[in-house]
Protein backbone atom coordinates (compact mmCIF):
# COMPACT_ATOMS: atom_id res chain seq x y z
CA MET A 1 102.56 82.73 81.02
CA THR A 2 105.85 83.67 80.93
CA ILE A 3 106.70 86.96 81.40
CA HIS A 4 109.18 88.21 79.21
CA PHE A 5 111.69 91.50 81.22
CA GLY A 6 114.31 93.64 79.89
CA ILE A 7 116.28 95.49 82.11
CA ILE A 8 117.38 99.35 81.55
CA GLY A 9 121.09 100.27 83.61
CA CYS A 10 123.60 97.42 84.44
CA GLY A 11 125.66 98.71 86.71
CA TYR A 12 125.81 97.17 90.44
CA ILE A 13 121.88 96.78 91.56
CA SER A 14 120.80 95.06 88.80
CA LYS A 15 122.74 92.28 89.26
CA ARG A 16 120.04 91.26 92.22
CA HIS A 17 117.19 91.96 90.04
CA ILE A 18 119.80 89.05 87.74
CA GLU A 19 119.96 86.81 90.40
CA SER A 20 116.08 86.77 91.17
CA LEU A 21 114.70 86.93 87.50
CA ALA A 22 116.81 83.55 87.04
CA THR A 23 115.06 81.92 89.74
CA CYS A 24 111.73 82.69 88.58
CA LYS A 25 109.86 80.20 87.15
CA ASP A 26 107.62 81.98 84.84
CA ALA A 27 110.03 85.22 84.12
CA LYS A 28 112.66 84.78 81.57
CA LEU A 29 115.18 87.77 80.73
CA VAL A 30 115.46 88.37 76.56
CA ALA A 31 117.32 91.94 76.46
CA VAL A 32 119.18 94.57 78.40
CA SER A 33 120.18 98.30 77.75
CA ASP A 34 123.39 100.22 79.28
CA LEU A 35 125.81 102.63 77.27
CA GLN A 36 128.66 100.31 78.24
CA LYS A 37 128.99 97.26 75.94
CA ASP A 38 131.13 95.27 78.87
CA ARG A 39 127.84 96.21 81.21
CA MET A 40 125.39 94.64 79.11
CA LYS A 41 127.60 91.27 78.17
CA GLU A 42 128.11 90.60 81.92
CA ALA A 43 124.58 90.87 82.23
CA ALA A 44 123.87 88.45 79.97
CA LEU A 45 126.19 85.81 81.13
CA GLN A 46 125.23 86.29 84.90
CA TYR A 47 121.51 85.60 83.76
CA THR A 48 122.79 82.57 81.29
CA ASN A 49 125.11 80.63 84.05
CA LEU A 50 122.15 81.37 86.80
CA ALA A 51 119.33 80.53 84.86
CA ASN A 52 120.86 77.60 83.21
CA GLU A 53 119.18 79.26 79.85
CA HIS A 54 120.50 79.81 76.20
CA HIS A 55 118.41 81.75 74.88
CA PRO A 56 119.86 84.67 73.14
CA ILE A 57 119.18 88.13 74.91
CA HIS A 58 119.64 91.42 73.09
CA LEU A 59 122.03 94.04 73.59
CA TYR A 60 120.92 97.51 73.44
CA GLU A 61 122.58 100.78 73.36
CA ASN A 62 119.70 103.08 73.00
CA TYR A 63 117.14 101.68 75.85
CA THR A 64 113.77 103.02 73.92
CA GLU A 65 115.15 100.28 71.34
CA LEU A 66 114.59 97.85 74.10
CA ILE A 67 111.12 99.50 75.13
CA GLU A 68 110.09 99.40 71.94
CA SER A 69 110.56 95.56 71.63
CA ASP A 70 107.56 93.15 71.25
CA GLU A 71 109.45 90.60 72.93
CA VAL A 72 109.46 92.75 75.99
CA ASP A 73 106.32 92.69 78.50
CA ALA A 74 108.06 94.63 81.60
CA VAL A 75 110.63 96.49 81.76
CA VAL A 76 113.59 96.85 85.10
CA ILE A 77 114.51 100.68 85.58
CA CYS A 78 118.29 100.32 87.33
CA THR A 79 119.26 103.73 86.02
CA ILE A 80 120.67 106.71 87.87
CA SER A 81 117.27 108.06 90.19
CA GLY A 82 117.30 111.07 88.12
CA LEU A 83 116.51 109.14 84.55
CA HIS A 84 113.86 107.08 86.19
CA ALA A 85 110.76 109.07 85.50
CA GLU A 86 111.97 109.73 82.31
CA ILE A 87 112.21 106.03 81.02
CA ALA A 88 109.20 104.62 83.09
CA LYS A 89 107.09 107.55 80.96
CA ILE A 90 108.16 105.33 78.07
CA ALA A 91 107.66 102.81 79.07
CA LEU A 92 103.74 103.29 79.98
CA ILE A 93 102.93 104.48 77.24
CA ALA A 94 104.65 102.12 75.05
CA GLY A 95 102.03 99.54 76.96
CA LYS A 96 105.16 97.53 79.05
CA HIS A 97 104.65 97.37 83.00
CA VAL A 98 107.78 98.45 84.93
CA ILE A 99 109.42 97.25 87.59
CA LEU A 100 111.10 100.76 89.15
CA GLU A 101 114.20 100.88 91.26
CA LYS A 102 113.98 102.84 94.38
CA PRO A 103 113.56 105.66 94.42
CA MET A 104 110.28 106.10 92.36
CA THR A 105 110.82 109.57 90.85
CA LEU A 106 112.37 112.90 92.39
CA SER A 107 109.08 114.80 92.21
CA LEU A 108 105.53 114.45 93.13
CA LYS A 109 104.47 115.45 89.70
CA GLU A 110 106.53 112.74 87.77
CA ALA A 111 105.18 110.13 90.03
CA ASP A 112 101.52 111.16 89.61
CA GLU A 113 102.03 111.15 85.85
CA LEU A 114 103.67 107.45 86.31
CA ASN A 115 100.56 106.19 88.17
CA GLN A 116 98.20 108.48 85.39
CA LEU A 117 100.02 106.66 83.36
CA ALA A 118 99.86 103.04 84.08
CA LYS A 119 95.90 102.92 84.55
CA ALA A 120 94.98 104.82 81.03
CA ASN A 121 97.41 101.68 80.16
CA GLN A 122 96.38 99.17 82.17
CA CYS A 123 100.40 98.16 83.21
CA LYS A 124 101.49 97.67 86.62
CA ILE A 125 104.38 99.41 88.30
CA VAL A 126 106.09 98.23 91.22
CA VAL A 127 108.64 100.26 93.04
CA CYS A 128 111.12 98.09 94.67
CA HIS A 129 110.48 98.54 98.58
CA GLN A 130 110.98 95.12 98.82
CA MET A 131 111.89 95.20 102.38
CA ARG A 132 108.19 94.55 102.81
CA PHE A 133 108.09 91.65 101.60
CA LYS A 134 110.69 89.91 103.97
CA PRO A 135 109.27 87.25 106.51
CA ILE A 136 110.12 88.95 109.70
CA MET A 137 108.60 92.39 108.19
CA LYS A 138 105.65 90.70 106.96
CA LYS A 139 105.61 89.38 111.14
CA ILE A 140 105.46 93.31 112.71
CA LYS A 141 102.61 94.62 110.09
CA GLN A 142 100.69 90.96 111.38
CA VAL A 143 101.37 91.36 114.83
CA ILE A 144 100.54 95.19 114.05
CA GLN A 145 97.78 94.18 112.78
CA ASP A 146 96.33 91.67 114.44
CA GLY A 147 96.58 94.20 117.38
CA LYS A 148 98.79 92.47 119.89
CA ILE A 149 100.94 95.57 120.98
CA GLY A 150 97.73 97.20 121.63
CA LYS A 151 97.73 101.09 120.43
CA PRO A 152 101.30 101.79 118.85
CA TYR A 153 102.87 105.08 120.04
CA LEU A 154 106.18 105.51 118.64
CA GLY A 155 107.77 104.51 115.56
CA ILE A 156 111.48 105.73 115.11
CA VAL A 157 114.20 104.85 112.46
CA SER A 158 117.70 105.39 113.02
CA ILE A 159 120.15 105.43 109.43
CA ARG A 160 123.90 105.95 111.12
CA LEU A 161 126.14 105.44 107.86
CA ASN A 162 129.42 106.86 106.47
CA ARG A 163 129.62 108.23 102.79
CA SER A 164 133.76 109.26 101.89
CA PRO A 165 134.33 111.53 99.44
CA ASP A 166 135.12 109.28 97.42
CA TYR A 167 132.13 107.41 97.11
CA TYR A 168 130.55 110.84 96.03
CA ALA A 169 133.58 112.05 93.79
CA SER A 170 133.13 108.24 91.97
CA ALA A 171 130.10 109.25 90.39
CA PRO A 172 129.36 112.73 89.41
CA TRP A 173 125.43 112.31 89.49
CA ARG A 174 126.19 110.92 92.93
CA GLY A 175 125.17 113.77 95.68
CA ASP A 176 123.09 116.39 93.30
CA TRP A 177 119.66 117.28 93.89
CA GLU A 178 118.31 117.12 90.45
CA ASN A 179 120.16 113.46 89.78
CA ASP A 180 120.69 111.86 92.73
CA GLY A 181 117.81 112.99 95.04
CA GLY A 182 119.77 113.32 98.80
CA MET A 183 120.35 111.08 101.87
CA LEU A 184 116.87 110.73 102.38
CA VAL A 185 115.46 109.67 98.95
CA ASN A 186 118.56 106.95 98.86
CA GLN A 187 120.42 105.74 101.76
CA GLY A 188 116.63 106.12 103.90
CA ILE A 189 113.87 105.36 102.00
CA HIS A 190 113.42 101.52 102.40
CA LEU A 191 112.82 102.35 106.38
CA ILE A 192 110.69 104.80 105.99
CA ASP A 193 108.69 102.57 103.89
CA LEU A 194 108.32 100.26 106.24
CA MET A 195 107.50 102.41 109.29
CA GLN A 196 105.21 103.75 107.19
CA TRP A 197 103.33 100.72 106.09
CA PHE A 198 103.45 99.67 109.63
CA LEU A 199 102.03 102.53 110.94
CA GLY A 200 99.81 104.07 108.11
CA ASP A 201 99.87 107.58 106.78
CA VAL A 202 101.61 110.11 107.51
CA GLU A 203 98.87 113.34 108.50
CA LYS A 204 102.33 116.49 109.74
CA VAL A 205 105.77 116.43 109.25
CA TYR A 206 108.29 118.72 110.79
CA GLY A 207 112.02 118.10 109.94
CA ASP A 208 115.35 119.29 108.96
CA ILE A 209 118.93 118.58 107.43
CA SER A 210 122.20 120.46 108.12
CA SER A 211 125.38 119.46 104.93
CA PHE A 212 129.07 119.92 106.09
CA SER A 213 130.57 118.06 103.00
CA LYS A 214 132.16 120.38 100.18
CA THR A 215 131.95 117.33 97.89
CA LYS A 216 128.44 117.43 97.01
CA GLU A 217 125.25 119.10 97.44
CA THR A 218 123.13 116.60 99.12
CA GLU A 219 122.47 116.26 103.35
CA ASP A 220 124.67 114.22 105.55
CA ILE A 221 122.24 114.33 108.43
CA ALA A 222 118.32 114.49 107.90
CA LEU A 223 115.72 114.52 110.66
CA GLY A 224 111.84 114.13 110.66
CA VAL A 225 109.39 113.98 113.77
CA LEU A 226 105.86 112.36 112.19
CA THR A 227 102.78 112.41 113.28
CA PHE A 228 100.24 109.58 111.59
CA SER A 229 96.63 110.24 110.91
CA ASN A 230 96.39 107.61 113.84
CA LYS A 231 98.05 110.21 116.08
CA THR A 232 101.16 108.03 116.35
CA LYS A 233 104.56 109.77 116.26
CA GLY A 234 107.33 109.07 114.63
CA LEU A 235 110.93 109.69 114.65
CA ILE A 236 113.53 109.39 112.00
CA GLU A 237 117.65 110.50 112.55
CA ALA A 238 120.04 109.49 109.20
CA ASN A 239 123.01 110.55 108.63
CA VAL A 240 126.14 109.64 106.53
CA ILE A 241 128.53 111.41 108.66
CA THR A 242 129.35 107.92 110.94
CA GLN A 243 132.85 107.82 111.51
CA PRO A 244 135.12 105.64 110.79
CA LYS A 245 132.52 103.49 109.38
CA ASN A 246 128.87 102.17 108.83
CA LEU A 247 126.72 101.26 112.63
CA GLY A 248 123.84 100.57 110.61
CA TYR A 249 120.81 100.71 110.71
CA GLN A 250 117.85 100.34 113.51
CA LEU A 251 113.71 100.47 113.71
CA SER A 252 111.55 100.40 116.50
CA ILE A 253 107.86 100.26 117.47
CA PHE A 254 107.09 101.14 121.07
CA GLY A 255 103.29 100.29 121.64
CA GLU A 256 100.41 100.11 124.72
CA LYS A 257 100.75 96.05 125.08
CA GLY A 258 104.91 95.75 123.38
CA CYS A 259 108.30 96.84 121.60
CA ILE A 260 109.75 95.77 118.57
CA SER A 261 113.13 96.50 117.70
CA LEU A 262 115.74 95.16 114.60
CA GLU A 263 118.83 96.49 113.56
CA GLY A 264 122.37 95.74 111.85
CA PRO A 265 123.20 96.61 108.75
CA SER A 266 120.12 94.75 106.87
CA LEU A 267 117.82 94.64 110.49
CA ASN A 268 118.89 90.93 110.70
CA GLN A 269 119.05 91.40 114.28
CA ILE A 270 116.07 91.30 116.52
CA SER A 271 117.08 94.18 119.53
CA ARG A 272 113.59 93.52 122.08
CA TRP A 273 110.88 91.31 120.48
CA TYR A 274 108.01 91.70 123.84
CA ILE A 275 104.35 91.19 123.70
CA VAL A 276 102.56 91.49 126.69
CA ASP A 277 101.40 87.66 128.02
CA GLU A 278 102.60 86.31 125.28
CA GLU A 279 106.13 84.21 125.16
CA THR A 280 108.51 84.82 121.81
CA ASP A 281 109.02 82.44 119.92
CA TYR A 282 113.35 83.09 119.13
CA GLU A 283 113.73 80.23 117.16
CA HIS A 284 110.75 80.52 114.56
CA LEU A 285 111.90 84.62 114.59
CA ASN A 286 115.81 83.63 113.61
CA GLU A 287 114.16 81.71 110.90
CA LEU A 288 112.05 84.66 109.16
CA LEU A 289 115.23 86.66 109.81
CA LYS A 290 117.53 84.31 108.20
CA ASP A 291 115.36 84.59 104.98
CA ASN A 292 116.81 87.15 102.39
CA ASN A 293 114.48 85.80 99.30
CA GLU A 294 112.63 88.90 99.27
CA GLN A 295 113.21 90.51 95.18
CA VAL A 296 112.33 87.29 94.59
CA TYR A 297 108.88 86.99 96.40
CA MET A 298 108.36 90.53 94.98
CA TYR A 299 108.71 89.66 91.02
CA GLU A 300 106.98 86.25 92.30
CA ASN A 301 104.11 88.49 93.44
CA PHE A 302 104.73 91.17 90.71
CA ILE A 303 104.31 88.27 87.86
CA HIS A 304 101.50 86.43 89.91
CA THR A 305 99.28 89.68 89.67
CA VAL A 306 100.25 90.18 85.94
CA GLN A 307 99.04 86.56 84.81
CA TYR A 308 96.13 86.45 87.18
CA GLY A 309 94.64 89.52 88.48
CA ASP A 310 93.24 87.99 91.76
CA GLU A 311 96.76 89.36 93.77
CA LYS A 312 97.11 92.99 94.97
CA LEU A 313 100.71 94.04 94.29
CA LEU A 314 102.38 94.98 97.84
CA ILE A 315 104.68 97.79 96.13
CA ASP A 316 102.44 99.86 93.11
CA GLY A 317 103.27 103.96 92.51
CA TYR A 318 100.94 105.03 94.92
CA GLU A 319 102.46 102.46 97.97
CA GLY A 320 105.70 103.46 96.30
CA LYS A 321 104.96 107.37 96.43
CA LYS A 322 104.40 107.34 100.67
CA ALA A 323 107.68 107.68 100.91
CA LEU A 324 109.09 109.38 98.34
CA GLU A 325 106.20 112.22 100.22
CA THR A 326 107.41 111.72 103.97
CA ILE A 327 111.08 113.05 102.82
CA PHE A 328 110.28 115.45 100.57
CA ALA A 329 107.62 116.97 103.67
CA ILE A 330 111.18 116.96 105.12
CA TYR A 331 113.21 118.72 103.15
CA GLN A 332 110.22 121.15 102.45
CA SER A 333 109.57 121.46 106.29
CA TYR A 334 113.52 122.68 105.83
CA LEU A 335 112.97 125.39 103.54
CA THR A 336 109.90 127.27 105.26
CA LYS A 337 110.91 126.52 109.16
CA LYS A 338 107.26 125.13 108.46
CA VAL A 339 105.18 121.77 109.88
CA ILE A 340 104.28 120.27 106.43
CA ASP A 341 100.47 118.84 106.42
CA LEU A 342 100.39 116.13 103.39
CA PRO A 343 98.65 115.85 101.26
CA LEU A 344 101.83 117.83 99.75
CA ASN A 345 100.20 119.84 96.41
CA SER A 346 104.12 119.74 94.53
CA PHE A 347 107.41 119.40 95.67
CA SER A 348 110.91 118.40 93.65
CA THR A 349 114.38 117.84 94.84
CA ALA A 350 115.18 120.25 92.11
CA ASN A 351 113.56 122.72 94.59
CA MET A 352 117.32 122.28 97.01
CA LYS A 353 119.27 123.32 94.23
CA ASN A 354 121.43 125.57 96.02
CA GLU A 355 119.69 125.61 99.28
CA GLY A 356 122.09 122.35 100.26
CA GLY A 357 120.66 122.41 104.02
CA SER A 358 124.19 124.34 104.56
CA GLU A 359 124.51 125.74 108.13
């Protein structure tokens, strides 16, 4: 059974989705939607060329018409963050499966609503934390699950980026709490999701943020201290003020019997891989690092689950909510100056309006 997809939002991020859909044998792009006709035409042409398919791809300026189309089975949402929940709700009510770019939503209430709608309408939600599908990340997950590093003691995530005033000025929604969501929600969420996937559910959070920019509302620096349910500790340090350009990312896990640390622009370098009494096979690990088809694997997981129902989604709406909730707890801790216990009852990035993290 071929799954027919429609993409809403034909900006930069949609190109990766189109590449993946063109690669998957049981996927077909049949519709796109965007306010700009030229972008829709470009997206349709990209898919036609990559997939070597020549079926008509329908162009919809109004995304609700795409959702209502009987030809569309699943909707891929690649719009600005502030529209994710609204569009996903309409799609789920219409009985469509949803592939949802991060962040899932900008409020916990909306995340819960999406999960409830998906269950009620027997639809699937995939949140695009595709880094879970990287073979090197699956290897780390397996190493920790197998107890090879013993008890995990500490996880650390470092995000050191540069985002210039021009970056935020190029789109009016960027850096806006209600429409964009925040630096951690946009630039940090993938690594926070990985750390939680490796170490388990978060129990307590203490956080602080700062903002120095005059051109946006959201934070420039974010810090978080986490306690996981297994009493492992976590540390998040992130900024978008690294001069003069990105330093990149680092994700490290420190355990009783080992230490694993990745770094680089896309966590594509091993800075340490040590397990007591085990020789490290760097040749094999480097082969895993070279595999950058995680987006394709994410789609294959979704397609197989829809077709046969015998495979669990690696990152459904419930899993997608976890990193979001941890980030919201950092923001809530900043607002209250207190340690926050999870789960949170409610939070929206709109709560940060006029708070902004300014000193």
